[in-house]
Amino acid sequence: MAIDDGLAERIREQLEPRHGITEKRMFGGLAFLADGHMFIGLARDALMVRVGPDDYETALARPHVRLMDFTGKPMRGYVFVDQAGLEEDGALNDWIQRSLAFVRSLPPKR
């Protein structure tokens, strides 16, 4: 599965000054992890965003957002954001910050 290399580079640029962020090939795409927790990723030309259960419905109500569904069953707490919702760097940064805030609230990975 090909990913949007331009979007991947935009994400890297916004994450560059942060420590504890790694990249990993996952789900046939590219995932970004914060201290071992996957928080965003790329699947073809969409951004996977881990918003958590409390922000899930709110995130789905935003424009250009849809269910994250790899296997025929939506993954609650994760959404896809389509390209149209990522055109502005501020919009991309908002999704990154929202997702980072959620994973930073999780217990540390062992």
PDB file of N, CA and C in Angstrom:
ATOM      1  N   MET A   1       0.857  -1.167   0.000  1.00  0.00           N
ATOM      2  CA  MET A   1       0.000   0.000   0.000  1.00  0.00           C
ATOM      3  C   MET A   1       0.906   1.233   0.000  1.00  0.00           C
ATOM      4  N   ALA A   2       0.735   2.059  -0.979  1.00  0.00           N
ATOM      5  CA  ALA A   2       1.536   3.283  -1.069  1.00  0.00           C
ATOM      6  C   ALA A   2       0.971   4.345  -0.128  1.00  0.00           C
ATOM      7  N   ILE A   3       1.883   5.147   0.419  1.00  0.00           N
ATOM      8  CA  ILE A   3       1.463   6.241   1.288  1.00  0.00           C
ATOM      9  C   ILE A   3       1.793   7.563   0.622  1.00  0.00           C
ATOM     10  N   ASP A   4       1.215   8.609   1.110  1.00  0.00           N
ATOM     11  CA  ASP A   4       1.466   9.958   0.608  1.00  0.00           C
ATOM     12  C   ASP A   4       2.770  10.456   1.236  1.00  0.00           C
ATOM     13  N   ASP A   5       3.853  10.421   0.448  1.00  0.00           N
ATOM     14  CA  ASP A   5       5.165  10.828   0.959  1.00  0.00           C
ATOM     15  C   ASP A   5       5.197  12.297   1.360  1.00  0.00           C
ATOM     16  N   GLY A   6       4.451  13.142   0.662  1.00  0.00           N
ATOM     17  CA  GLY A   6       4.398  14.560   1.010  1.00  0.00           C
ATOM     18  C   GLY A   6       3.771  14.778   2.376  1.00  0.00           C
ATOM     19  N   LEU A   7       2.698  14.051   2.661  1.00  0.00           N
ATOM     20  CA  LEU A   7       2.053  14.152   3.966  1.00  0.00           C
ATOM     21  C   LEU A   7       2.975  13.600   5.055  1.00  0.00           C
ATOM     22  N   ALA A   8       3.671  12.522   4.765  1.00  0.00           N
ATOM     23  CA  ALA A   8       4.619  11.968   5.737  1.00  0.00           C
ATOM     24  C   ALA A   8       5.692  12.998   6.083  1.00  0.00           C
ATOM     25  N   GLU A   9       6.184  13.710   5.096  1.00  0.00           N
ATOM     26  CA  GLU A   9       7.209  14.727   5.335  1.00  0.00           C
ATOM     27  C   GLU A   9       6.656  15.899   6.142  1.00  0.00           C
ATOM     28  N   ARG A  10       5.433  16.296   5.861  1.00  0.00           N
ATOM     29  CA  ARG A  10       4.810  17.377   6.645  1.00  0.00           C
ATOM     30  C   ARG A  10       4.683  16.978   8.118  1.00  0.00           C
ATOM     31  N   ILE A  11       4.325  15.718   8.367  1.00  0.00           N
ATOM     32  CA  ILE A  11       4.222  15.228   9.739  1.00  0.00           C
ATOM     33  C   ILE A  11       5.595  15.255  10.396  1.00  0.00           C
ATOM     34  N   ARG A  12       6.604  14.750   9.698  1.00  0.00           N
ATOM     35  CA  ARG A  12       7.966  14.743  10.253  1.00  0.00           C
ATOM     36  C   ARG A  12       8.419  16.156  10.618  1.00  0.00           C
ATOM     37  N   GLU A  13       8.119  17.112   9.756  1.00  0.00           N
ATOM     38  CA  GLU A  13       8.512  18.501  10.024  1.00  0.00           C
ATOM     39  C   GLU A  13       7.859  19.024  11.299  1.00  0.00           C
ATOM     40  N   GLN A  14       6.591  18.679  11.501  1.00  0.00           N
ATOM     41  CA  GLN A  14       5.894  19.163  12.703  1.00  0.00           C
ATOM     42  C   GLN A  14       6.342  18.430  13.957  1.00  0.00           C
ATOM     43  N   LEU A  15       6.840  17.205  13.802  1.00  0.00           N
ATOM     44  CA  LEU A  15       7.269  16.421  14.954  1.00  0.00           C
ATOM     45  C   LEU A  15       8.763  16.542  15.246  1.00  0.00           C
ATOM     46  N   GLU A  16       9.505  17.150  14.347  1.00  0.00           N
ATOM     47  CA  GLU A  16      10.960  17.173  14.425  1.00  0.00           C
ATOM     48  C   GLU A  16      11.537  17.576  15.781  1.00  0.00           C
ATOM     49  N   PRO A  17      11.032  18.593  16.439  1.00  0.00           N
ATOM     50  CA  PRO A  17      11.679  18.978  17.702  1.00  0.00           C
ATOM     51  C   PRO A  17      11.307  18.093  18.897  1.00  0.00           C
ATOM     52  N   ARG A  18      10.442  17.117  18.712  1.00  0.00           N
ATOM     53  CA  ARG A  18       9.973  16.317  19.845  1.00  0.00           C
ATOM     54  C   ARG A  18      10.840  15.085  20.062  1.00  0.00           C
ATOM     55  N   HIS A  19      11.039  14.734  21.333  1.00  0.00           N
ATOM     56  CA  HIS A  19      11.792  13.542  21.703  1.00  0.00           C
ATOM     57  C   HIS A  19      10.820  12.397  21.973  1.00  0.00           C
ATOM     58  N   GLY A  20      11.289  11.184  21.797  1.00  0.00           N
ATOM     59  CA  GLY A  20      10.456  10.021  22.075  1.00  0.00           C
ATOM     60  C   GLY A  20       9.518   9.651  20.950  1.00  0.00           C
ATOM     61  N   ILE A  21       9.645  10.291  19.775  1.00  0.00           N
ATOM     62  CA  ILE A  21       8.788   9.984  18.618  1.00  0.00           C
ATOM     63  C   ILE A  21       9.566   9.075  17.672  1.00  0.00           C
ATOM     64  N   THR A  22       8.942   7.972  17.283  1.00  0.00           N
ATOM     65  CA  THR A  22       9.550   7.045  16.337  1.00  0.00           C
ATOM     66  C   THR A  22       8.577   6.759  15.201  1.00  0.00           C
ATOM     67  N   GLU A  23       9.118   6.238  14.111  1.00  0.00           N
ATOM     68  CA  GLU A  23       8.313   5.823  12.963  1.00  0.00           C
ATOM     69  C   GLU A  23       8.432   4.310  12.812  1.00  0.00           C
ATOM     70  N   LYS A  24       7.343   3.703  12.365  1.00  0.00           N
ATOM     71  CA  LYS A  24       7.341   2.259  12.171  1.00  0.00           C
ATOM     72  C   LYS A  24       6.375   1.904  11.043  1.00  0.00           C
ATOM     73  N   ARG A  25       6.770   1.011  10.184  1.00  0.00           N
ATOM     74  CA  ARG A  25       5.859   0.507   9.158  1.00  0.00           C
ATOM     75  C   ARG A  25       4.853  -0.416   9.840  1.00  0.00           C
ATOM     76  N   MET A  26       3.564  -0.076   9.706  1.00  0.00           N
ATOM     77  CA  MET A  26       2.491  -0.857  10.323  1.00  0.00           C
ATOM     78  C   MET A  26       1.248  -0.793   9.447  1.00  0.00           C
ATOM     79  N   PHE A  27       0.420  -1.806   9.525  1.00  0.00           N
ATOM     80  CA  PHE A  27      -0.872  -1.821   8.837  1.00  0.00           C
ATOM     81  C   PHE A  27      -0.730  -1.533   7.341  1.00  0.00           C
ATOM     82  N   GLY A  28       0.409  -1.845   6.752  1.00  0.00           N
ATOM     83  CA  GLY A  28       0.625  -1.551   5.338  1.00  0.00           C
ATOM     84  C   GLY A  28       0.877  -0.078   5.078  1.00  0.00           C
ATOM     85  N   GLY A  29       1.116   0.682   6.119  1.00  0.00           N
ATOM     86  CA  GLY A  29       1.367   2.117   5.989  1.00  0.00           C
ATOM     87  C   GLY A  29       2.513   2.529   6.891  1.00  0.00           C
ATOM     88  N   LEU A  30       2.458   3.723   7.388  1.00  0.00           N
ATOM     89  CA  LEU A  30       3.490   4.275   8.247  1.00  0.00           C
ATOM     90  C   LEU A  30       2.844   4.809   9.516  1.00  0.00           C
ATOM     91  N   ALA A  31       3.373   4.403  10.673  1.00  0.00           N
ATOM     92  CA  ALA A  31       2.832   4.857  11.951  1.00  0.00           C
ATOM     93  C   ALA A  31       3.878   5.677  12.683  1.00  0.00           C
ATOM     94  N   PHE A  32       3.401   6.644  13.449  1.00  0.00           N
ATOM     95  CA  PHE A  32       4.246   7.448  14.316  1.00  0.00           C
ATOM     96  C   PHE A  32       3.866   7.096  15.750  1.00  0.00           C
ATOM     97  N   LEU A  33       4.878   6.841  16.568  1.00  0.00           N
ATOM     98  CA  LEU A  33       4.663   6.419  17.940  1.00  0.00           C
ATOM     99  C   LEU A  33       5.300   7.414  18.902  1.00  0.00           C
ATOM    100  N   ALA A  34       4.629   7.637  20.009  1.00  0.00           N
ATOM    101  CA  ALA A  34       5.157   8.475  21.085  1.00  0.00           C
ATOM    102  C   ALA A  34       5.403   7.562  22.271  1.00  0.00           C
ATOM    103  N   ASP A  35       6.664   7.394  22.618  1.00  0.00           N
ATOM    104  CA  ASP A  35       7.042   6.510  23.721  1.00  0.00           C
ATOM    105  C   ASP A  35       6.401   5.137  23.590  1.00  0.00           C
ATOM    106  N   GLY A  36       6.353   4.622  22.360  1.00  0.00           N
ATOM    107  CA  GLY A  36       5.838   3.283  22.090  1.00  0.00           C
ATOM    108  C   GLY A  36       4.358   3.197  21.793  1.00  0.00           C
ATOM    109  N   HIS A  37       3.607   4.268  21.971  1.00  0.00           N
ATOM    110  CA  HIS A  37       2.165   4.276  21.679  1.00  0.00           C
ATOM    111  C   HIS A  37       1.922   4.863  20.294  1.00  0.00           C
ATOM    112  N   MET A  38       1.243   4.101  19.423  1.00  0.00           N
ATOM    113  CA  MET A  38       0.887   4.629  18.105  1.00  0.00           C
ATOM    114  C   MET A  38      -0.118   5.747  18.295  1.00  0.00           C
ATOM    115  N   PHE A  39       0.159   6.913  17.655  1.00  0.00           N
ATOM    116  CA  PHE A  39      -0.793   8.014  17.788  1.00  0.00           C
ATOM    117  C   PHE A  39      -1.298   8.519  16.454  1.00  0.00           C
ATOM    118  N   ILE A  40      -0.505   8.544  15.419  1.00  0.00           N
ATOM    119  CA  ILE A  40      -0.992   8.871  14.079  1.00  0.00           C
ATOM    120  C   ILE A  40      -0.284   7.979  13.082  1.00  0.00           C
ATOM    121  N   GLY A  41      -0.841   7.925  11.885  1.00  0.00           N
ATOM    122  CA  GLY A  41      -0.219   7.135  10.840  1.00  0.00           C
ATOM    123  C   GLY A  41      -0.802   7.482   9.488  1.00  0.00           C
ATOM    124  N   LEU A  42      -0.204   6.881   8.482  1.00  0.00           N
ATOM    125  CA  LEU A  42      -0.653   7.091   7.113  1.00  0.00           C
ATOM    126  C   LEU A  42      -1.085   5.769   6.509  1.00  0.00           C
ATOM    127  N   ALA A  43      -2.237   5.770   5.908  1.00  0.00           N
ATOM    128  CA  ALA A  43      -2.750   4.624   5.174  1.00  0.00           C
ATOM    129  C   ALA A  43      -3.212   5.166   3.832  1.00  0.00           C
ATOM    130  N   ARG A  44      -2.419   4.913   2.813  1.00  0.00           N
ATOM    131  CA  ARG A  44      -2.624   5.523   1.503  1.00  0.00           C
ATOM    132  C   ARG A  44      -2.575   7.035   1.639  1.00  0.00           C
ATOM    133  N   ASP A  45      -3.655   7.716   1.339  1.00  0.00           N
ATOM    134  CA  ASP A  45      -3.617   9.181   1.393  1.00  0.00           C
ATOM    135  C   ASP A  45      -4.420   9.743   2.566  1.00  0.00           C
ATOM    136  N   ALA A  46      -4.768   8.897   3.518  1.00  0.00           N
ATOM    137  CA  ALA A  46      -5.524   9.359   4.697  1.00  0.00           C
ATOM    138  C   ALA A  46      -4.638   9.317   5.930  1.00  0.00           C
ATOM    139  N   LEU A  47      -4.955  10.167   6.871  1.00  0.00           N
ATOM    140  CA  LEU A  47      -4.262  10.207   8.151  1.00  0.00           C
ATOM    141  C   LEU A  47      -5.065   9.396   9.159  1.00  0.00           C
ATOM    142  N   MET A  48      -4.420   8.414   9.793  1.00  0.00           N
ATOM    143  CA  MET A  48      -5.030   7.676  10.892  1.00  0.00           C
ATOM    144  C   MET A  48      -4.742   8.477  12.151  1.00  0.00           C
ATOM    145  N   VAL A  49      -5.757   8.722  12.937  1.00  0.00           N
ATOM    146  CA  VAL A  49      -5.575   9.506  14.159  1.00  0.00           C
ATOM    147  C   VAL A  49      -6.185   8.746  15.333  1.00  0.00           C
ATOM    148  N   ARG A  50      -5.378   8.567  16.360  1.00  0.00           N
ATOM    149  CA  ARG A  50      -5.867   7.926  17.588  1.00  0.00           C
ATOM    150  C   ARG A  50      -6.364   9.026  18.509  1.00  0.00           C
ATOM    151  N   VAL A  51      -7.674   9.113  18.647  1.00  0.00           N
ATOM    152  CA  VAL A  51      -8.273  10.176  19.454  1.00  0.00           C
ATOM    153  C   VAL A  51      -8.745   9.679  20.819  1.00  0.00           C
ATOM    154  N   GLY A  52      -8.837   8.382  20.985  1.00  0.00           N
ATOM    155  CA  GLY A  52      -9.310   7.810  22.241  1.00  0.00           C
ATOM    156  C   GLY A  52     -10.818   7.745  22.296  1.00  0.00           C
ATOM    157  N   PRO A  53     -11.352   7.001  23.247  1.00  0.00           N
ATOM    158  CA  PRO A  53     -12.805   6.800  23.316  1.00  0.00           C
ATOM    159  C   PRO A  53     -13.602   8.057  23.681  1.00  0.00           C
ATOM    160  N   ASP A  54     -13.041   8.932  24.499  1.00  0.00           N
ATOM    161  CA  ASP A  54     -13.795  10.110  24.936  1.00  0.00           C
ATOM    162  C   ASP A  54     -13.964  11.160  23.839  1.00  0.00           C
ATOM    163  N   ASP A  55     -13.033  11.234  22.918  1.00  0.00           N
ATOM    164  CA  ASP A  55     -13.062  12.240  21.846  1.00  0.00           C
ATOM    165  C   ASP A  55     -13.540  11.660  20.513  1.00  0.00           C
ATOM    166  N   TYR A  56     -13.884  10.375  20.518  1.00  0.00           N
ATOM    167  CA  TYR A  56     -14.212   9.661  19.282  1.00  0.00           C
ATOM    168  C   TYR A  56     -15.406  10.262  18.538  1.00  0.00           C
ATOM    169  N   GLU A  57     -16.528  10.419  19.205  1.00  0.00           N
ATOM    170  CA  GLU A  57     -17.739  10.935  18.546  1.00  0.00           C
ATOM    171  C   GLU A  57     -17.535  12.370  18.066  1.00  0.00           C
ATOM    172  N   THR A  58     -16.867  13.184  18.874  1.00  0.00           N
ATOM    173  CA  THR A  58     -16.587  14.571  18.495  1.00  0.00           C
ATOM    174  C   THR A  58     -15.715  14.614  17.247  1.00  0.00           C
ATOM    175  N   ALA A  59     -14.699  13.761  17.211  1.00  0.00           N
ATOM    176  CA  ALA A  59     -13.810  13.716  16.048  1.00  0.00           C
ATOM    177  C   ALA A  59     -14.571  13.292  14.796  1.00  0.00           C
ATOM    178  N   LEU A  60     -15.436  12.294  14.922  1.00  0.00           N
ATOM    179  CA  LEU A  60     -16.202  11.816  13.765  1.00  0.00           C
ATOM    180  C   LEU A  60     -17.140  12.877  13.208  1.00  0.00           C
ATOM    181  N   ALA A  61     -17.556  13.804  14.037  1.00  0.00           N
ATOM    182  CA  ALA A  61     -18.480  14.859  13.598  1.00  0.00           C
ATOM    183  C   ALA A  61     -17.777  15.962  12.813  1.00  0.00           C
ATOM    184  N   ARG A  62     -16.456  15.973  12.814  1.00  0.00           N
ATOM    185  CA  ARG A  62     -15.712  17.027  12.102  1.00  0.00           C
ATOM    186  C   ARG A  62     -15.695  16.742  10.598  1.00  0.00           C
ATOM    187  N   PRO A  63     -15.567  17.804   9.791  1.00  0.00           N
ATOM    188  CA  PRO A  63     -15.522  17.609   8.341  1.00  0.00           C
ATOM    189  C   PRO A  63     -14.323  16.762   7.909  1.00  0.00           C
ATOM    190  N   HIS A  64     -14.522  15.957   6.891  1.00  0.00           N
ATOM    191  CA  HIS A  64     -13.481  15.154   6.243  1.00  0.00           C
ATOM    192  C   HIS A  64     -12.959  14.034   7.133  1.00  0.00           C
ATOM    193  N   VAL A  65     -13.750  13.637   8.132  1.00  0.00           N
ATOM    194  CA  VAL A  65     -13.364  12.569   9.051  1.00  0.00           C
ATOM    195  C   VAL A  65     -14.313  11.396   8.849  1.00  0.00           C
ATOM    196  N   ARG A  66     -13.762  10.192   8.894  1.00  0.00           N
ATOM    197  CA  ARG A  66     -14.579   8.993   8.737  1.00  0.00           C
ATOM    198  C   ARG A  66     -14.077   7.891   9.655  1.00  0.00           C
ATOM    199  N   LEU A  67     -14.870   6.844   9.772  1.00  0.00           N
ATOM    200  CA  LEU A  67     -14.501   5.700  10.590  1.00  0.00           C
ATOM    201  C   LEU A  67     -13.193   5.094  10.104  1.00  0.00           C
ATOM    202  N   MET A  68     -12.383   4.648  11.017  1.00  0.00           N
ATOM    203  CA  MET A  68     -11.195   3.864  10.652  1.00  0.00           C
ATOM    204  C   MET A  68     -11.628   2.413  10.639  1.00  0.00           C
ATOM    205  N   ASP A  69     -11.597   1.828   9.461  1.00  0.00           N
ATOM    206  CA  ASP A  69     -12.129   0.486   9.256  1.00  0.00           C
ATOM    207  C   ASP A  69     -11.193  -0.281   8.339  1.00  0.00           C
ATOM    208  N   PHE A  70     -10.361  -1.150   8.915  1.00  0.00           N
ATOM    209  CA  PHE A  70      -9.463  -1.972   8.106  1.00  0.00           C
ATOM    210  C   PHE A  70     -10.073  -3.328   7.785  1.00  0.00           C
ATOM    211  N   THR A  71     -10.841  -3.866   8.705  1.00  0.00           N
ATOM    212  CA  THR A  71     -11.263  -5.260   8.623  1.00  0.00           C
ATOM    213  C   THR A  71     -12.758  -5.454   8.480  1.00  0.00           C
ATOM    214  N   GLY A  72     -13.501  -4.392   8.238  1.00  0.00           N
ATOM    215  CA  GLY A  72     -14.946  -4.499   8.189  1.00  0.00           C
ATOM    216  C   GLY A  72     -15.592  -4.140   9.518  1.00  0.00           C
ATOM    217  N   LYS A  73     -14.767  -3.910  10.533  1.00  0.00           N
ATOM    218  CA  LYS A  73     -15.259  -3.511  11.846  1.00  0.00           C
ATOM    219  C   LYS A  73     -14.522  -2.237  12.249  1.00  0.00           C
ATOM    220  N   PRO A  74     -15.258  -1.132  12.459  1.00  0.00           N
ATOM    221  CA  PRO A  74     -14.589   0.119  12.835  1.00  0.00           C
ATOM    222  C   PRO A  74     -13.786  -0.026  14.126  1.00  0.00           C
ATOM    223  N   MET A  75     -12.656   0.656  14.181  1.00  0.00           N
ATOM    224  CA  MET A  75     -11.807   0.654  15.378  1.00  0.00           C
ATOM    225  C   MET A  75     -12.169   1.886  16.208  1.00  0.00           C
ATOM    226  N   ARG A  76     -12.902   1.678  17.265  1.00  0.00           N
ATOM    227  CA  ARG A  76     -13.348   2.777  18.127  1.00  0.00           C
ATOM    228  C   ARG A  76     -12.132   3.454  18.757  1.00  0.00           C
ATOM    229  N   GLY A  77     -12.129   4.778  18.730  1.00  0.00           N
ATOM    230  CA  GLY A  77     -11.010   5.532  19.274  1.00  0.00           C
ATOM    231  C   GLY A  77     -10.014   5.969  18.216  1.00  0.00           C
ATOM    232  N   TYR A  78     -10.208   5.494  16.994  1.00  0.00           N
ATOM    233  CA  TYR A  78      -9.357   5.860  15.863  1.00  0.00           C
ATOM    234  C   TYR A  78     -10.237   6.378  14.734  1.00  0.00           C
ATOM    235  N   VAL A  79      -9.758   7.366  13.996  1.00  0.00           N
ATOM    236  CA  VAL A  79     -10.478   7.885  12.832  1.00  0.00           C
ATOM    237  C   VAL A  79      -9.507   8.070  11.669  1.00  0.00           C
ATOM    238  N   PHE A  80     -10.064   8.143  10.485  1.00  0.00           N
ATOM    239  CA  PHE A  80      -9.330   8.560   9.292  1.00  0.00           C
ATOM    240  C   PHE A  80      -9.693  10.003   8.998  1.00  0.00           C
ATOM    241  N   VAL A  81      -8.709  10.813   8.668  1.00  0.00           N
ATOM    242  CA  VAL A  81      -8.939  12.174   8.205  1.00  0.00           C
ATOM    243  C   VAL A  81      -8.474  12.217   6.755  1.00  0.00           C
ATOM    244  N   ASP A  82      -9.382  12.591   5.859  1.00  0.00           N
ATOM    245  CA  ASP A  82      -9.063  12.644   4.436  1.00  0.00           C
ATOM    246  C   ASP A  82      -8.241  13.885   4.092  1.00  0.00           C
ATOM    247  N   GLN A  83      -7.591  13.849   2.945  1.00  0.00           N
ATOM    248  CA  GLN A  83      -6.706  14.925   2.490  1.00  0.00           C
ATOM    249  C   GLN A  83      -7.342  16.308   2.579  1.00  0.00           C
ATOM    250  N   ALA A  84      -8.604  16.407   2.233  1.00  0.00           N
ATOM    251  CA  ALA A  84      -9.272  17.714   2.242  1.00  0.00           C
ATOM    252  C   ALA A  84      -9.261  18.353   3.632  1.00  0.00           C
ATOM    253  N   GLY A  85      -9.173  17.549   4.670  1.00  0.00           N
ATOM    254  CA  GLY A  85      -9.131  18.064   6.027  1.00  0.00           C
ATOM    255  C   GLY A  85      -7.724  18.341   6.533  1.00  0.00           C
ATOM    256  N   LEU A  86      -6.736  18.179   5.648  1.00  0.00           N
ATOM    257  CA  LEU A  86      -5.336  18.327   6.050  1.00  0.00           C
ATOM    258  C   LEU A  86      -4.572  19.327   5.203  1.00  0.00           C
ATOM    259  N   GLU A  87      -5.284  20.081   4.387  1.00  0.00           N
ATOM    260  CA  GLU A  87      -4.608  20.991   3.465  1.00  0.00           C
ATOM    261  C   GLU A  87      -3.799  22.058   4.178  1.00  0.00           C
ATOM    262  N   GLU A  88      -4.313  22.571   5.284  1.00  0.00           N
ATOM    263  CA  GLU A  88      -3.615  23.608   6.052  1.00  0.00           C
ATOM    264  C   GLU A  88      -2.728  22.949   7.110  1.00  0.00           C
ATOM    265  N   ASP A  89      -1.518  23.490   7.294  1.00  0.00           N
ATOM    266  CA  ASP A  89      -0.626  22.951   8.312  1.00  0.00           C
ATOM    267  C   ASP A  89      -1.243  23.037   9.706  1.00  0.00           C
ATOM    268  N   GLY A  90      -2.035  24.077   9.956  1.00  0.00           N
ATOM    269  CA  GLY A  90      -2.683  24.217  11.254  1.00  0.00           C
ATOM    270  C   GLY A  90      -3.652  23.085  11.529  1.00  0.00           C
ATOM    271  N   ALA A  91      -4.367  22.636  10.512  1.00  0.00           N
ATOM    272  CA  ALA A  91      -5.307  21.523  10.674  1.00  0.00           C
ATOM    273  C   ALA A  91      -4.557  20.225  10.969  1.00  0.00           C
ATOM    274  N   LEU A  92      -3.474  19.990  10.230  1.00  0.00           N
ATOM    275  CA  LEU A  92      -2.651  18.807  10.487  1.00  0.00           C
ATOM    276  C   LEU A  92      -2.097  18.858  11.910  1.00  0.00           C
ATOM    277  N   ASN A  93      -1.580  20.009  12.301  1.00  0.00           N
ATOM    278  CA  ASN A  93      -1.017  20.153  13.640  1.00  0.00           C
ATOM    279  C   ASN A  93      -2.074  19.913  14.721  1.00  0.00           C
ATOM    280  N   ASP A  94      -3.301  20.365  14.487  1.00  0.00           N
ATOM    281  CA  ASP A  94      -4.377  20.141  15.448  1.00  0.00           C
ATOM    282  C   ASP A  94      -4.602  18.648  15.679  1.00  0.00           C
ATOM    283  N   TRP A  95      -4.647  17.865  14.602  1.00  0.00           N
ATOM    284  CA  TRP A  95      -4.830  16.418  14.745  1.00  0.00           C
ATOM    285  C   TRP A  95      -3.641  15.787  15.457  1.00  0.00           C
ATOM    286  N   ILE A  96      -2.428  16.227  15.128  1.00  0.00           N
ATOM    287  CA  ILE A  96      -1.238  15.686  15.789  1.00  0.00           C
ATOM    288  C   ILE A  96      -1.301  15.971  17.289  1.00  0.00           C
ATOM    289  N   GLN A  97      -1.597  17.214  17.651  1.00  0.00           N
ATOM    290  CA  GLN A  97      -1.637  17.598  19.063  1.00  0.00           C
ATOM    291  C   GLN A  97      -2.742  16.866  19.814  1.00  0.00           C
ATOM    292  N   ARG A  98      -3.897  16.729  19.188  1.00  0.00           N
ATOM    293  CA  ARG A  98      -5.034  16.026  19.806  1.00  0.00           C
ATOM    294  C   ARG A  98      -4.651  14.571  20.109  1.00  0.00           C
ATOM    295  N   SER A  99      -4.017  13.931  19.145  1.00  0.00           N
ATOM    296  CA  SER A  99      -3.636  12.538  19.302  1.00  0.00           C
ATOM    297  C   SER A  99      -2.502  12.374  20.317  1.00  0.00           C
ATOM    298  N   LEU A 100      -1.520  13.259  20.249  1.00  0.00           N
ATOM    299  CA  LEU A 100      -0.422  13.207  21.218  1.00  0.00           C
ATOM    300  C   LEU A 100      -0.940  13.390  22.650  1.00  0.00           C
ATOM    301  N   ALA A 101      -1.866  14.297  22.835  1.00  0.00           N
ATOM    302  CA  ALA A 101      -2.428  14.522  24.169  1.00  0.00           C
ATOM    303  C   ALA A 101      -3.076  13.247  24.698  1.00  0.00           C
ATOM    304  N   PHE A 102      -3.778  12.527  23.829  1.00  0.00           N
ATOM    305  CA  PHE A 102      -4.412  11.293  24.273  1.00  0.00           C
ATOM    306  C   PHE A 102      -3.367  10.252  24.662  1.00  0.00           C
ATOM    307  N   VAL A 103      -2.394   9.964  23.790  1.00  0.00           N
ATOM    308  CA  VAL A 103      -1.434   8.906  24.116  1.00  0.00           C
ATOM    309  C   VAL A 103      -0.536   9.278  25.291  1.00  0.00           C
ATOM    310  N   ARG A 104      -0.304  10.562  25.493  1.00  0.00           N
ATOM    311  CA  ARG A 104       0.511  10.967  26.658  1.00  0.00           C
ATOM    312  C   ARG A 104      -0.257  10.723  27.965  1.00  0.00           C
ATOM    313  N   SER A 105      -1.582  10.536  27.876  1.00  0.00           N
ATOM    314  CA  SER A 105      -2.374  10.243  29.075  1.00  0.00           C
ATOM    315  C   SER A 105      -2.387   8.761  29.412  1.00  0.00           C
ATOM    316  N   LEU A 106      -1.855   7.921  28.510  1.00  0.00           N
ATOM    317  CA  LEU A 106      -1.837   6.468  28.722  1.00  0.00           C
ATOM    318  C   LEU A 106      -0.679   6.054  29.627  1.00  0.00           C
ATOM    319  N   PRO A 107      -0.815   4.926  30.295  1.00  0.00           N
ATOM    320  CA  PRO A 107       0.313   4.428  31.100  1.00  0.00           C
ATOM    321  C   PRO A 107       1.513   4.136  30.200  1.00  0.00           C
ATOM    322  N   PRO A 108       2.709   4.237  30.737  1.00  0.00           N
ATOM    323  CA  PRO A 108       3.913   3.964  29.923  1.00  0.00           C
ATOM    324  C   PRO A 108       3.912   2.527  29.406  1.00  0.00           C
ATOM    325  N   LYS A 109       4.472   2.352  28.217  1.00  0.00           N
ATOM    326  CA  LYS A 109       4.646   1.003  27.657  1.00  0.00           C
ATOM    327  C   LYS A 109       5.810   0.344  28.365  1.00  0.00           C
ATOM    328  N   ARG A 110       5.701  -0.943  28.549  1.00  0.00           N
ATOM    329  CA  ARG A 110       6.800  -1.695  29.179  1.00  0.00           C
ATOM    330  C   ARG A 110       7.817  -2.095  28.170  1.00  0.00           C
TER     331      ARG A 110
END
